[in-house]
Amino acid sequence: MLKQSLRRLGIILGIIVVSTFILISQPLDFLQIKRDGTGPLGLQLGLDLQGGAQLVYQADLEDVTSDQMEGLIQTIERRTNAFGVTEPSIQILGKNRLIIQLPGVEDIEEAKLLIGQTAKLEFKERVCSDATCDTYADKDIGLTGDLLDRAYAGRHAATNKPIVNINFNSEGTKIFAETTKRISGTNDRLAILIDDEEILAPMAEQAILGGTAFIQGPEFTIEKVRTVAIQLESGRLPVPISVIKEEDVDATLGADALEKSLIAGYIGLILVAFYMLAYYRIPGLMASLALISYTLITLAIFKLIPVTLTLAGVAGFILSVGMAVDANVLIFERTKEELRTGRGLANAIEIGFSRAWSSIRDSNVATFITCIILFWFGTRFGASMVAGFAVTLFIGVAVSMFSAIVISQTLLRLCASTPLRKIPNLFTPVPGRSTNSNPKNQTARS
């Protein structure tokens, strides 16, 4: 039993070391909110804590289908992810509306431009009347976004300067080749327009016959070519949409709320540890150590997944801390009952854990079911805070089971193999324990 407990202790310490390494790989700014989407210990923060933009779009078609709405989500997700938005939330509201939350986005107009409206992409031949092309005429050549296979940002292999790469399909390749052949070596351009608004108007140094080309410019930056590539590659949304509501969420209130929540969490942990030590003594000390381990492991999981923390998610985590303590209370009370009957410490610990397990299992399974229901409703109806609460509570309760059943049990088993086992009052401070170590030696009296 001792060797098994030592092996389990080694595994537990390994998990704690890994969890600590994951957390401290980010600067320990415990109460600092950063605009890049990270907060305490590098955890990802949601819209209410980090700030950003919230947009509600409505499809302009009357008989929009669910497949078309899913196509909208996929296109918008591709655009916002390429833009570098931290964990964008895009959900369907009703039949023809989308709610889009973009944490960390400060320029709401730029976000709207990238998400797009009708997003009609066209390539036109621009015939210039003078050397600077101040006067020109655009000619439709039939080259649209439907003929564009791919557009992506990159760097020139020789100069390492930012460029926009474009690839056309077979029909687009033919039109593109004919156009570049006509304008190569001249002052004419290939104008690129989205919703009749000019994005770029590059010149052609030579005819491009393969349908693969790149666009470069002296003022191109990585951010510029990435934005252009997103606009080009996305082409045209499957359904025209328009903004019906927009909101710029300030992170000031969220930062204040998170700071107060963290302070409350620290105070709660200290008070719980103090109570457990005062009432349960040695088991309370083991529970406090298990609680610290639980906190490290849970936060590391949040960072690894990563879980985007909203204020409701923080509340779910704090609630799971209380449930982790509750499991230990059940185990310790069962253990005390066995000690009062005169059982030895090691035997009382094993029986106490065995009898408490059914209660812990049933209550936690009920919580898991509740979390699944909350998560389904949260994602179905666009209530991201409800979904965040469900996710953090589910993970917290799962880790609390490991903390109570594995960590606390292992630590108590090790205590039972030390000289502390000879001082029963350190394990059962409540009066009522029999002085006999074997119930068979007790005699009944009338």
Foldseek 3Di string as FASTA:
>chain_A
DLVVLVVLVVVLVVLLVVLVCLQVVDPQPQQDADLLQADGSRAGAFCQQNWFKKFKKFFPDPPDAPVLVVLLVVLLVVQLVLLNFDPWFWADADGTMIIIGTRSHDDVVLSDVSSDFQWWKAKWKWAAPDQVSPDIDTHGQPQTLVQWQAKAWAADPPPRAIKIKTAGPPVNLVSQQVRLQVQAPHSIWIFIDIPNHTLDTHGRPHRDRHRIDMDDDPPDDRSSNSSVRSSSGSGGRSTGMDTPDMDGHDNPVSSVLVSVLVVVLVVVLVVQLVVLCVAFNPLSPLLSVLLVSLVSSLCSPCRVVPQHDYSLLSVLQSVLSVLLVVLSVQLLVQLLVVQQLQAQNLVSNVVSLVVSVVVLVVVLVVLLVVLVVQLVVCRNNVVVSSNSSSVSNNSSSVSSVCSRNRRSSSSSNNVSVDPCSVVCCSRHVDPRRDPHNDNVPDDDDD
